[in-house]
PDB file of N, CA and C in Angstrom:
ATOM      1  N   MET A   1     -24.519  11.490  39.708  1.00  0.00           N
ATOM      2  CA  MET A   1     -24.510  11.571  38.468  1.00  0.00           C
ATOM      3  C   MET A   1     -23.528  11.335  37.505  1.00  0.00           C
ATOM      4  N   LEU A   2     -22.193  11.777  37.730  1.00  0.00           N
ATOM      5  CA  LEU A   2     -20.670  11.618  37.511  1.00  0.00           C
ATOM      6  C   LEU A   2     -20.429  10.024  37.512  1.00  0.00           C
ATOM      7  N   LYS A   3     -20.826   9.396  38.870  1.00  0.00           N
ATOM      8  CA  LYS A   3     -20.246   8.081  39.154  1.00  0.00           C
ATOM      9  C   LYS A   3     -21.126   7.196  37.839  1.00  0.00           C
ATOM     10  N   ARG A   4     -22.325   7.301  37.361  1.00  0.00           N
ATOM     11  CA  ARG A   4     -22.817   7.153  36.527  1.00  0.00           C
ATOM     12  C   ARG A   4     -22.280   7.150  34.990  1.00  0.00           C
ATOM     13  N   LEU A   5     -21.700   8.265  34.633  1.00  0.00           N
ATOM     14  CA  LEU A   5     -21.275   8.697  33.374  1.00  0.00           C
ATOM     15  C   LEU A   5     -20.037   8.319  33.200  1.00  0.00           C
ATOM     16  N   LEU A   6     -19.177   7.796  34.183  1.00  0.00           N
ATOM     17  CA  LEU A   6     -17.783   7.543  34.190  1.00  0.00           C
ATOM     18  C   LEU A   6     -17.599   6.288  33.318  1.00  0.00           C
ATOM     19  N   PRO A   7     -18.394   5.019  33.587  1.00  0.00           N
ATOM     20  CA  PRO A   7     -18.280   3.791  32.763  1.00  0.00           C
ATOM     21  C   PRO A   7     -18.562   4.286  31.314  1.00  0.00           C
ATOM     22  N   PHE A   8     -19.654   4.838  30.989  1.00  0.00           N
ATOM     23  CA  PHE A   8     -19.804   5.337  29.906  1.00  0.00           C
ATOM     24  C   PHE A   8     -18.573   6.013  29.157  1.00  0.00           C
ATOM     25  N   LEU A   9     -18.023   7.178  29.651  1.00  0.00           N
ATOM     26  CA  LEU A   9     -17.418   8.201  28.941  1.00  0.00           C
ATOM     27  C   LEU A   9     -16.043   6.841  28.795  1.00  0.00           C
ATOM     28  N   ALA A  10     -15.722   6.222  29.546  1.00  0.00           N
ATOM     29  CA  ALA A  10     -14.526   5.371  29.830  1.00  0.00           C
ATOM     30  C   ALA A  10     -14.526   4.092  28.058  1.00  0.00           C
ATOM     31  N   LEU A  11     -15.890   4.164  27.824  1.00  0.00           N
ATOM     32  CA  LEU A  11     -16.054   3.339  26.890  1.00  0.00           C
ATOM     33  C   LEU A  11     -15.757   4.282  25.324  1.00  0.00           C
ATOM     34  N   VAL A  12     -16.302   5.205  25.323  1.00  0.00           N
ATOM     35  CA  VAL A  12     -16.624   6.111  24.336  1.00  0.00           C
ATOM     36  C   VAL A  12     -15.402   7.090  24.063  1.00  0.00           C
ATOM     37  N   VAL A  13     -15.122   7.516  25.056  1.00  0.00           N
ATOM     38  CA  VAL A  13     -13.473   8.391  24.789  1.00  0.00           C
ATOM     39  C   VAL A  13     -12.317   7.859  24.222  1.00  0.00           C
ATOM     40  N   PRO A  14     -12.253   6.774  24.949  1.00  0.00           N
ATOM     41  CA  PRO A  14     -11.031   6.077  24.368  1.00  0.00           C
ATOM     42  C   PRO A  14     -11.153   5.821  22.839  1.00  0.00           C
ATOM     43  N   ALA A  15     -12.130   5.182  22.376  1.00  0.00           N
ATOM     44  CA  ALA A  15     -12.793   4.803  21.091  1.00  0.00           C
ATOM     45  C   ALA A  15     -12.756   6.083  19.981  1.00  0.00           C
ATOM     46  N   ALA A  16     -12.956   7.034  20.438  1.00  0.00           N
ATOM     47  CA  ALA A  16     -13.094   8.437  19.653  1.00  0.00           C
ATOM     48  C   ALA A  16     -11.745   8.742  19.408  1.00  0.00           C
ATOM     49  N   ALA A  17     -10.951   8.480  20.996  1.00  0.00           N
ATOM     50  CA  ALA A  17      -9.568   9.545  20.510  1.00  0.00           C
ATOM     51  C   ALA A  17      -8.336   8.788  20.022  1.00  0.00           C
ATOM     52  N   ILE A  18      -8.491   7.289  19.635  1.00  0.00           N
ATOM     53  CA  ILE A  18      -7.667   6.315  18.997  1.00  0.00           C
ATOM     54  C   ILE A  18      -7.915   6.602  17.450  1.00  0.00           C
ATOM     55  N   PRO A  19      -7.266   7.190  16.974  1.00  0.00           N
ATOM     56  CA  PRO A  19      -7.149   6.873  15.478  1.00  0.00           C
ATOM     57  C   PRO A  19      -7.233   5.420  14.883  1.00  0.00           C
ATOM     58  N   GLN A  20      -8.366   5.171  13.664  1.00  0.00           N
ATOM     59  CA  GLN A  20      -8.414   4.089  13.346  1.00  0.00           C
ATOM     60  C   GLN A  20      -7.458   3.929  12.412  1.00  0.00           C
ATOM     61  N   THR A  21      -6.887   2.916  11.959  1.00  0.00           N
ATOM     62  CA  THR A  21      -6.157   2.276  10.841  1.00  0.00           C
ATOM     63  C   THR A  21      -6.617   1.190   9.999  1.00  0.00           C
ATOM     64  N   GLY A  22      -6.396   1.654   8.643  1.00  0.00           N
ATOM     65  CA  GLY A  22      -6.970   0.260   7.795  1.00  0.00           C
ATOM     66  C   GLY A  22      -5.294   0.105   7.293  1.00  0.00           C
ATOM     67  N   ALA A  23      -5.795  -1.140   6.167  1.00  0.00           N
ATOM     68  CA  ALA A  23      -4.438  -1.786   5.972  1.00  0.00           C
ATOM     69  C   ALA A  23      -4.809  -2.117   4.269  1.00  0.00           C
ATOM     70  N   VAL A  24      -3.916  -1.967   3.685  1.00  0.00           N
ATOM     71  CA  VAL A  24      -3.647  -2.489   2.218  1.00  0.00           C
ATOM     72  C   VAL A  24      -2.829  -3.719   2.027  1.00  0.00           C
ATOM     73  N   VAL A  25      -3.336  -4.946   1.375  1.00  0.00           N
ATOM     74  CA  VAL A  25      -2.855  -6.040   1.632  1.00  0.00           C
ATOM     75  C   VAL A  25      -2.643  -6.578   0.224  1.00  0.00           C
ATOM     76  N   GLY A  26      -1.916  -7.536  -0.067  1.00  0.00           N
ATOM     77  CA  GLY A  26      -1.740  -7.924  -1.631  1.00  0.00           C
ATOM     78  C   GLY A  26      -0.572  -8.637  -1.954  1.00  0.00           C
ATOM     79  N   ARG A  27      -0.200  -8.720  -3.134  1.00  0.00           N
ATOM     80  CA  ARG A  27       0.934  -9.668  -3.562  1.00  0.00           C
ATOM     81  C   ARG A  27       1.563  -9.258  -5.013  1.00  0.00           C
ATOM     82  N   VAL A  28       2.539  -8.871  -5.096  1.00  0.00           N
ATOM     83  CA  VAL A  28       3.374  -8.307  -5.924  1.00  0.00           C
ATOM     84  C   VAL A  28       4.075  -9.631  -6.731  1.00  0.00           C
ATOM     85  N   THR A  29       4.220  -9.756  -8.363  1.00  0.00           N
ATOM     86  CA  THR A  29       4.405 -10.834  -8.719  1.00  0.00           C
ATOM     87  C   THR A  29       5.198 -10.221 -10.070  1.00  0.00           C
ATOM     88  N   ASP A  30       5.851 -11.329 -11.137  1.00  0.00           N
ATOM     89  CA  ASP A  30       6.392 -10.809 -12.066  1.00  0.00           C
ATOM     90  C   ASP A  30       5.288 -11.095 -13.219  1.00  0.00           C
ATOM     91  N   GLU A  31       6.146 -11.322 -14.222  1.00  0.00           N
ATOM     92  CA  GLU A  31       5.232 -11.094 -15.391  1.00  0.00           C
ATOM     93  C   GLU A  31       4.278 -12.528 -15.474  1.00  0.00           C
ATOM     94  N   GLY A  32       5.082 -13.621 -15.314  1.00  0.00           N
ATOM     95  CA  GLY A  32       4.655 -14.916 -15.076  1.00  0.00           C
ATOM     96  C   GLY A  32       3.738 -15.390 -14.119  1.00  0.00           C
ATOM     97  N   GLY A  33       3.488 -14.403 -13.295  1.00  0.00           N
ATOM     98  CA  GLY A  33       2.850 -14.589 -11.783  1.00  0.00           C
ATOM     99  C   GLY A  33       3.653 -15.293 -10.934  1.00  0.00           C
ATOM    100  N   ARG A  34       5.080 -15.543 -11.182  1.00  0.00           N
ATOM    101  CA  ARG A  34       5.901 -15.624  -9.885  1.00  0.00           C
ATOM    102  C   ARG A  34       6.064 -14.470  -8.785  1.00  0.00           C
ATOM    103  N   PRO A  35       5.903 -14.851  -7.707  1.00  0.00           N
ATOM    104  CA  PRO A  35       6.103 -14.107  -6.407  1.00  0.00           C
ATOM    105  C   PRO A  35       7.409 -13.178  -6.543  1.00  0.00           C
ATOM    106  N   LEU A  36       7.520 -11.875  -6.286  1.00  0.00           N
ATOM    107  CA  LEU A  36       8.579 -11.239  -6.320  1.00  0.00           C
ATOM    108  C   LEU A  36       8.906 -10.556  -4.801  1.00  0.00           C
ATOM    109  N   ALA A  37       9.997 -11.641  -4.023  1.00  0.00           N
ATOM    110  CA  ALA A  37      10.043 -10.958  -2.893  1.00  0.00           C
ATOM    111  C   ALA A  37      11.296  -9.578  -2.914  1.00  0.00           C
ATOM    112  N   GLY A  38      11.230  -8.753  -2.027  1.00  0.00           N
ATOM    113  CA  GLY A  38      11.653  -7.822  -1.678  1.00  0.00           C
ATOM    114  C   GLY A  38      11.349  -6.138  -2.281  1.00  0.00           C
ATOM    115  N   ALA A  39      10.239  -6.472  -3.213  1.00  0.00           N
ATOM    116  CA  ALA A  39       9.755  -5.499  -3.691  1.00  0.00           C
ATOM    117  C   ALA A  39       9.082  -4.385  -2.802  1.00  0.00           C
ATOM    118  N   ASN A  40       9.253  -3.455  -3.014  1.00  0.00           N
ATOM    119  CA  ASN A  40       8.859  -2.199  -2.371  1.00  0.00           C
ATOM    120  C   ASN A  40       7.446  -1.946  -2.484  1.00  0.00           C
ATOM    121  N   VAL A  41       6.683  -1.630  -1.306  1.00  0.00           N
ATOM    122  CA  VAL A  41       5.262  -1.268  -1.716  1.00  0.00           C
ATOM    123  C   VAL A  41       5.196   0.223  -1.055  1.00  0.00           C
ATOM    124  N   ALA A  42       4.769   0.918  -1.256  1.00  0.00           N
ATOM    125  CA  ALA A  42       4.387   2.320  -0.757  1.00  0.00           C
ATOM    126  C   ALA A  42       3.495   3.263  -0.974  1.00  0.00           C
ATOM    127  N   ILE A  43       2.955   4.245   0.087  1.00  0.00           N
ATOM    128  CA  ILE A  43       1.725   5.210  -0.571  1.00  0.00           C
ATOM    129  C   ILE A  43       2.641   6.496  -0.920  1.00  0.00           C
ATOM    130  N   ASP A  44       2.488   6.728  -1.862  1.00  0.00           N
ATOM    131  CA  ASP A  44       2.971   7.994  -2.455  1.00  0.00           C
ATOM    132  C   ASP A  44       2.618   9.005  -1.563  1.00  0.00           C
ATOM    133  N   GLY A  45       3.874   9.960  -1.418  1.00  0.00           N
ATOM    134  CA  GLY A  45       3.786  11.299  -0.855  1.00  0.00           C
ATOM    135  C   GLY A  45       3.576  10.935   0.872  1.00  0.00           C
ATOM    136  N   SER A  46       4.083   9.678   1.188  1.00  0.00           N
ATOM    137  CA  SER A  46       4.313   9.872   2.598  1.00  0.00           C
ATOM    138  C   SER A  46       5.273   8.963   2.849  1.00  0.00           C
ATOM    139  N   ASP A  47       5.503   8.460   4.376  1.00  0.00           N
ATOM    140  CA  ASP A  47       6.788   7.628   4.536  1.00  0.00           C
ATOM    141  C   ASP A  47       6.194   6.332   5.095  1.00  0.00           C
ATOM    142  N   LEU A  48       4.947   6.184   4.767  1.00  0.00           N
ATOM    143  CA  LEU A  48       4.416   4.682   4.659  1.00  0.00           C
ATOM    144  C   LEU A  48       4.987   3.314   3.544  1.00  0.00           C
ATOM    145  N   ARG A  49       5.650   2.985   3.919  1.00  0.00           N
ATOM    146  CA  ARG A  49       6.173   1.787   3.079  1.00  0.00           C
ATOM    147  C   ARG A  49       6.567   0.410   3.582  1.00  0.00           C
ATOM    148  N   THR A  50       6.810  -0.379   2.719  1.00  0.00           N
ATOM    149  CA  THR A  50       7.154  -2.156   3.278  1.00  0.00           C
ATOM    150  C   THR A  50       7.544  -2.698   2.103  1.00  0.00           C
ATOM    151  N   ALA A  51       8.217  -3.758   2.594  1.00  0.00           N
ATOM    152  CA  ALA A  51       8.652  -4.665   1.329  1.00  0.00           C
ATOM    153  C   ALA A  51       8.192  -6.293   1.318  1.00  0.00           C
ATOM    154  N   THR A  52       7.611  -7.006   0.328  1.00  0.00           N
ATOM    155  CA  THR A  52       7.208  -7.906   0.065  1.00  0.00           C
ATOM    156  C   THR A  52       8.362  -9.332   0.900  1.00  0.00           C
ATOM    157  N   ASP A  53       7.264 -10.310   1.267  1.00  0.00           N
ATOM    158  CA  ASP A  53       7.858 -11.231   1.970  1.00  0.00           C
ATOM    159  C   ASP A  53       8.437 -12.468   0.825  1.00  0.00           C
ATOM    160  N   ASP A  54       8.510 -13.319   0.796  1.00  0.00           N
ATOM    161  CA  ASP A  54       9.415 -14.494   0.440  1.00  0.00           C
ATOM    162  C   ASP A  54       8.505 -14.642  -0.783  1.00  0.00           C
ATOM    163  N   ARG A  55       6.986 -14.998  -0.257  1.00  0.00           N
ATOM    164  CA  ARG A  55       5.722 -15.276  -1.086  1.00  0.00           C
ATOM    165  C   ARG A  55       5.237 -13.835  -2.192  1.00  0.00           C
ATOM    166  N   GLY A  56       5.736 -12.871  -1.857  1.00  0.00           N
ATOM    167  CA  GLY A  56       5.406 -11.540  -2.681  1.00  0.00           C
ATOM    168  C   GLY A  56       4.467 -10.986  -1.974  1.00  0.00           C
ATOM    169  N   GLN A  57       4.277 -10.990  -0.774  1.00  0.00           N
ATOM    170  CA  GLN A  57       2.874 -10.679  -0.070  1.00  0.00           C
ATOM    171  C   GLN A  57       3.311  -9.506   0.838  1.00  0.00           C
ATOM    172  N   TYR A  58       2.327  -8.756   0.701  1.00  0.00           N
ATOM    173  CA  TYR A  58       3.162  -7.102   1.684  1.00  0.00           C
ATOM    174  C   TYR A  58       1.844  -6.908   2.500  1.00  0.00           C
ATOM    175  N   ARG A  59       1.891  -6.050   3.447  1.00  0.00           N
ATOM    176  CA  ARG A  59       0.846  -5.552   4.491  1.00  0.00           C
ATOM    177  C   ARG A  59       1.163  -3.901   4.877  1.00  0.00           C
ATOM    178  N   LEU A  60       0.550  -3.311   4.292  1.00  0.00           N
ATOM    179  CA  LEU A  60       0.656  -1.941   4.628  1.00  0.00           C
ATOM    180  C   LEU A  60      -0.470  -0.966   5.369  1.00  0.00           C
ATOM    181  N   THR A  61      -0.257  -0.921   6.443  1.00  0.00           N
ATOM    182  CA  THR A  61      -0.877   0.296   7.476  1.00  0.00           C
ATOM    183  C   THR A  61      -1.369   1.167   6.785  1.00  0.00           C
ATOM    184  N   VAL A  62      -2.374   1.883   6.368  1.00  0.00           N
ATOM    185  CA  VAL A  62      -2.946   3.366   6.229  1.00  0.00           C
ATOM    186  C   VAL A  62      -3.660   3.973   6.905  1.00  0.00           C
ATOM    187  N   ASP A  63      -2.963   5.220   7.707  1.00  0.00           N
ATOM    188  CA  ASP A  63      -3.301   5.955   8.694  1.00  0.00           C
ATOM    189  C   ASP A  63      -4.468   6.989   8.668  1.00  0.00           C
ATOM    190  N   ARG A  64      -4.820   6.916   7.589  1.00  0.00           N
ATOM    191  CA  ARG A  64      -5.997   7.706   6.928  1.00  0.00           C
ATOM    192  C   ARG A  64      -7.120   7.293   6.164  1.00  0.00           C
ATOM    193  N   SER A  65      -8.233   7.651   5.889  1.00  0.00           N
ATOM    194  CA  SER A  65      -9.261   7.143   4.986  1.00  0.00           C
ATOM    195  C   SER A  65      -9.144   8.092   3.826  1.00  0.00           C
ATOM    196  N   GLY A  66      -9.786   7.507   2.777  1.00  0.00           N
ATOM    197  CA  GLY A  66      -9.823   8.358   1.194  1.00  0.00           C
ATOM    198  C   GLY A  66      -8.765   7.593   0.524  1.00  0.00           C
ATOM    199  N   THR A  67      -8.779   8.323  -0.854  1.00  0.00           N
ATOM    200  CA  THR A  67      -7.908   7.645  -1.646  1.00  0.00           C
ATOM    201  C   THR A  67      -6.716   7.763  -1.887  1.00  0.00           C
ATOM    202  N   VAL A  68      -5.910   6.866  -2.170  1.00  0.00           N
ATOM    203  CA  VAL A  68      -4.260   6.771  -2.103  1.00  0.00           C
ATOM    204  C   VAL A  68      -3.753   6.128  -3.278  1.00  0.00           C
ATOM    205  N   ARG A  69      -2.595   6.279  -3.718  1.00  0.00           N
ATOM    206  CA  ARG A  69      -1.844   5.617  -4.506  1.00  0.00           C
ATOM    207  C   ARG A  69      -0.877   5.018  -4.025  1.00  0.00           C
ATOM    208  N   ILE A  70      -0.941   3.509  -3.871  1.00  0.00           N
ATOM    209  CA  ILE A  70      -0.125   2.764  -4.032  1.00  0.00           C
ATOM    210  C   ILE A  70       0.999   2.426  -4.627  1.00  0.00           C
ATOM    211  N   ARG A  71       2.288   2.441  -4.662  1.00  0.00           N
ATOM    212  CA  ARG A  71       3.102   2.126  -5.890  1.00  0.00           C
ATOM    213  C   ARG A  71       4.140   1.210  -5.356  1.00  0.00           C
ATOM    214  N   ALA A  72       4.318   0.026  -6.229  1.00  0.00           N
ATOM    215  CA  ALA A  72       5.363  -1.238  -6.240  1.00  0.00           C
ATOM    216  C   ALA A  72       6.288  -0.966  -7.099  1.00  0.00           C
ATOM    217  N   SER A  73       7.237  -1.283  -6.548  1.00  0.00           N
ATOM    218  CA  SER A  73       8.372  -1.312  -7.204  1.00  0.00           C
ATOM    219  C   SER A  73       9.853  -2.423  -7.085  1.00  0.00           C
ATOM    220  N   LYS A  74      10.503  -2.416  -8.002  1.00  0.00           N
ATOM    221  CA  LYS A  74      11.663  -3.637  -7.397  1.00  0.00           C
ATOM    222  C   LYS A  74      12.489  -3.201  -8.933  1.00  0.00           C
ATOM    223  N   ARG A  75      14.014  -3.190  -8.166  1.00  0.00           N
ATOM    224  CA  ARG A  75      14.986  -2.780  -9.365  1.00  0.00           C
ATOM    225  C   ARG A  75      15.052  -4.097 -10.480  1.00  0.00           C
ATOM    226  N   SER A  76      15.323  -3.556 -11.649  1.00  0.00           N
ATOM    227  CA  SER A  76      14.930  -4.273 -13.082  1.00  0.00           C
ATOM    228  C   SER A  76      13.899  -4.220 -13.354  1.00  0.00           C
ATOM    229  N   TYR A  77      12.693  -3.799 -12.514  1.00  0.00           N
ATOM    230  CA  TYR A  77      11.239  -3.973 -13.158  1.00  0.00           C
ATOM    231  C   TYR A  77      11.019  -2.451 -13.367  1.00  0.00           C
ATOM    232  N   ALA A  78       9.713  -2.050 -13.869  1.00  0.00           N
ATOM    233  CA  ALA A  78       8.974  -1.075 -14.288  1.00  0.00           C
ATOM    234  C   ALA A  78       8.198  -1.115 -13.211  1.00  0.00           C
ATOM    235  N   ALA A  79       7.892  -0.084 -12.148  1.00  0.00           N
ATOM    236  CA  ALA A  79       7.057   0.321 -11.475  1.00  0.00           C
ATOM    237  C   ALA A  79       5.614   0.377 -11.758  1.00  0.00           C
ATOM    238  N   SER A  80       4.764   0.366 -11.060  1.00  0.00           N
ATOM    239  CA  SER A  80       3.376   0.038 -11.186  1.00  0.00           C
ATOM    240  C   SER A  80       3.157   0.802  -9.359  1.00  0.00           C
ATOM    241  N   SER A  81       1.901   1.448 -10.271  1.00  0.00           N
ATOM    242  CA  SER A  81       0.654   2.342  -9.194  1.00  0.00           C
ATOM    243  C   SER A  81      -0.457   2.459  -9.540  1.00  0.00           C
ATOM    244  N   ARG A  82      -1.390   1.936  -8.367  1.00  0.00           N
ATOM    245  CA  ARG A  82      -2.604   2.067  -8.351  1.00  0.00           C
ATOM    246  C   ARG A  82      -3.442   3.046  -7.343  1.00  0.00           C
ATOM    247  N   ARG A  83      -4.580   3.425  -7.526  1.00  0.00           N
ATOM    248  CA  ARG A  83      -5.357   3.920  -6.497  1.00  0.00           C
ATOM    249  C   ARG A  83      -6.015   2.866  -6.109  1.00  0.00           C
ATOM    250  N   VAL A  84      -5.796   3.246  -4.442  1.00  0.00           N
ATOM    251  CA  VAL A  84      -6.887   2.679  -3.693  1.00  0.00           C
ATOM    252  C   VAL A  84      -7.739   3.273  -2.795  1.00  0.00           C
ATOM    253  N   THR A  85      -9.284   2.713  -2.393  1.00  0.00           N
ATOM    254  CA  THR A  85      -9.440   3.969  -1.613  1.00  0.00           C
ATOM    255  C   THR A  85      -9.403   3.150   0.225  1.00  0.00           C
ATOM    256  N   ALA A  86      -8.662   3.903   0.734  1.00  0.00           N
ATOM    257  CA  ALA A  86      -8.465   2.962   2.445  1.00  0.00           C
ATOM    258  C   ALA A  86      -9.714   3.635   3.257  1.00  0.00           C
ATOM    259  N   VAL A  87      -9.852   2.255   3.967  1.00  0.00           N
ATOM    260  CA  VAL A  87     -11.451   2.341   4.742  1.00  0.00           C
ATOM    261  C   VAL A  87     -10.868   2.535   6.243  1.00  0.00           C
ATOM    262  N   ALA A  88     -10.950   3.359   7.282  1.00  0.00           N
ATOM    263  CA  ALA A  88     -10.687   3.292   8.537  1.00  0.00           C
ATOM    264  C   ALA A  88     -11.072   1.893   9.088  1.00  0.00           C
ATOM    265  N   GLY A  89      -9.962   0.983   9.681  1.00  0.00           N
ATOM    266  CA  GLY A  89     -10.571  -0.229  10.525  1.00  0.00           C
ATOM    267  C   GLY A  89     -11.046  -1.379   9.438  1.00  0.00           C
ATOM    268  N   ALA A  90     -10.536  -1.215   8.312  1.00  0.00           N
ATOM    269  CA  ALA A  90     -10.769  -2.117   6.956  1.00  0.00           C
ATOM    270  C   ALA A  90      -9.601  -2.266   6.289  1.00  0.00           C
ATOM    271  N   THR A  91      -9.707  -3.601   5.754  1.00  0.00           N
ATOM    272  CA  THR A  91      -8.579  -4.309   4.853  1.00  0.00           C
ATOM    273  C   THR A  91      -8.965  -4.259   3.580  1.00  0.00           C
ATOM    274  N   VAL A  92      -8.263  -3.590   2.779  1.00  0.00           N
ATOM    275  CA  VAL A  92      -8.625  -3.539   1.347  1.00  0.00           C
ATOM    276  C   VAL A  92      -7.102  -4.165   0.424  1.00  0.00           C
ATOM    277  N   SER A  93      -7.553  -5.369  -0.321  1.00  0.00           N
ATOM    278  CA  SER A  93      -6.617  -5.911  -1.297  1.00  0.00           C
ATOM    279  C   SER A  93      -6.051  -5.600  -2.511  1.00  0.00           C
ATOM    280  N   ARG A  94      -4.948  -5.428  -2.877  1.00  0.00           N
ATOM    281  CA  ARG A  94      -4.575  -4.912  -4.200  1.00  0.00           C
ATOM    282  C   ARG A  94      -3.186  -5.481  -4.573  1.00  0.00           C
ATOM    283  N   ASP A  95      -3.341  -6.327  -5.603  1.00  0.00           N
ATOM    284  CA  ASP A  95      -2.089  -7.134  -6.234  1.00  0.00           C
ATOM    285  C   ASP A  95      -1.452  -6.370  -7.247  1.00  0.00           C
ATOM    286  N   PHE A  96      -0.239  -6.174  -7.575  1.00  0.00           N
ATOM    287  CA  PHE A  96       0.884  -5.508  -8.364  1.00  0.00           C
ATOM    288  C   PHE A  96       1.392  -6.764  -9.547  1.00  0.00           C
ATOM    289  N   ARG A  97       1.179  -6.629 -10.543  1.00  0.00           N
ATOM    290  CA  ARG A  97       2.349  -7.122 -11.568  1.00  0.00           C
ATOM    291  C   ARG A  97       3.134  -6.657 -11.913  1.00  0.00           C
ATOM    292  N   LEU A  98       4.512  -6.829 -11.961  1.00  0.00           N
ATOM    293  CA  LEU A  98       5.543  -5.846 -12.126  1.00  0.00           C
ATOM    294  C   LEU A  98       6.496  -6.744 -13.457  1.00  0.00           C
ATOM    295  N   PHE A  99       6.769  -5.843 -15.015  1.00  0.00           N
ATOM    296  CA  PHE A  99       7.198  -6.283 -15.553  1.00  0.00           C
ATOM    297  C   PHE A  99       8.964  -5.964 -15.694  1.00  0.00           C
ATOM    298  N   PRO A 100       9.708  -6.919 -16.307  1.00  0.00           N
ATOM    299  CA  PRO A 100      11.151  -6.644 -16.449  1.00  0.00           C
ATOM    300  C   PRO A 100      11.560  -5.063 -17.405  1.00  0.00           C
ATOM    301  N   ILE A 101      12.409  -4.902 -17.052  1.00  0.00           N
ATOM    302  CA  ILE A 101      12.652  -3.661 -17.739  1.00  0.00           C
ATOM    303  C   ILE A 101      13.954  -3.558 -18.784  1.00  0.00           C
ATOM    304  N   THR A 102      13.740  -3.950 -19.542  1.00  0.00           N
ATOM    305  CA  THR A 102      14.339  -4.592 -21.541  1.00  0.00           C
ATOM    306  C   THR A 102      14.967  -3.041 -21.740  1.00  0.00           C
ATOM    307  N   ALA A 103      15.715  -3.380 -22.500  1.00  0.00           N
ATOM    308  CA  ALA A 103      16.979  -2.328 -23.150  1.00  0.00           C
ATOM    309  C   ALA A 103      15.964  -2.031 -24.119  1.00  0.00           C
ATOM    310  N   GLU A 104      15.209  -2.289 -24.841  1.00  0.00           N
ATOM    311  CA  GLU A 104      13.790  -2.139 -26.242  1.00  0.00           C
ATOM    312  C   GLU A 104      12.875  -1.368 -25.421  1.00  0.00           C
ATOM    313  N   ARG A 105      12.411  -1.519 -24.092  1.00  0.00           N
ATOM    314  CA  ARG A 105      11.397  -0.654 -23.277  1.00  0.00           C
ATOM    315  C   ARG A 105      12.211   0.864 -23.091  1.00  0.00           C
ATOM    316  N   ASP A 106      13.576   0.755 -22.471  1.00  0.00           N
ATOM    317  CA  ASP A 106      13.975   1.796 -22.376  1.00  0.00           C
ATOM    318  C   ASP A 106      14.541   2.952 -23.211  1.00  0.00           C
ATOM    319  N   GLU A 107      14.524   2.520 -24.442  1.00  0.00           N
ATOM    320  CA  GLU A 107      15.195   3.106 -25.383  1.00  0.00           C
ATOM    321  C   GLU A 107      13.993   4.443 -25.786  1.00  0.00           C
ATOM    322  N   LEU A 108      14.220   5.623 -26.201  1.00  0.00           N
ATOM    323  CA  LEU A 108      13.578   6.712 -26.641  1.00  0.00           C
ATOM    324  C   LEU A 108      13.775   6.623 -28.142  1.00  0.00           C
ATOM    325  N   PRO A 109      13.050   6.731 -28.854  1.00  0.00           N
ATOM    326  CA  PRO A 109      13.042   7.085 -30.412  1.00  0.00           C
ATOM    327  C   PRO A 109      14.018   8.096 -30.335  1.00  0.00           C
ATOM    328  N   ALA A 110      15.289   8.289 -31.629  1.00  0.00           N
ATOM    329  CA  ALA A 110      15.538   9.570 -32.014  1.00  0.00           C
ATOM    330  C   ALA A 110      15.208  10.387 -32.596  1.00  0.00           C
ATOM    331  N   ARG A 111      15.400  11.594 -32.213  1.00  0.00           N
ATOM    332  CA  ARG A 111      14.603  12.803 -32.554  1.00  0.00           C
ATOM    333  C   ARG A 111      15.924  13.552 -33.352  1.00  0.00           C
ATOM    334  N   GLY A 112      15.735  14.145 -34.621  1.00  0.00           N
ATOM    335  CA  GLY A 112      15.994  14.722 -35.405  1.00  0.00           C
ATOM    336  C   GLY A 112      15.991  16.452 -35.155  1.00  0.00           C
ATOM    337  N   PHE A 113      16.940  17.246 -35.129  1.00  0.00           N
ATOM    338  CA  PHE A 113      16.634  18.788 -35.217  1.00  0.00           C
ATOM    339  C   PHE A 113      17.320  19.074 -36.309  1.00  0.00           C
TER     340      PHE A 113
END
């Protein structure tokens, strides 16, 4: 009987024991739609991160299913984040558009005391 179960167990047990990962892929561009190479893309609250290539594209492996917040950032640009529902074994696509930080955007209104 055990001889007949071994082939079945060999197929079932490894699949259940290996955690399935998913991926989030996309593109990071500037306000004009031009690719941003070297932008950082990360899952908030984790060590999972990557950088965009010369075409502004990224691929981030996600080690769990569920909703996560993905953040894209680059020096001199305002960061952007989006919620993504990651699914084990699936690839989800999310693009980001980053806008340059200007002195006007950084200035806070003066407050009188």
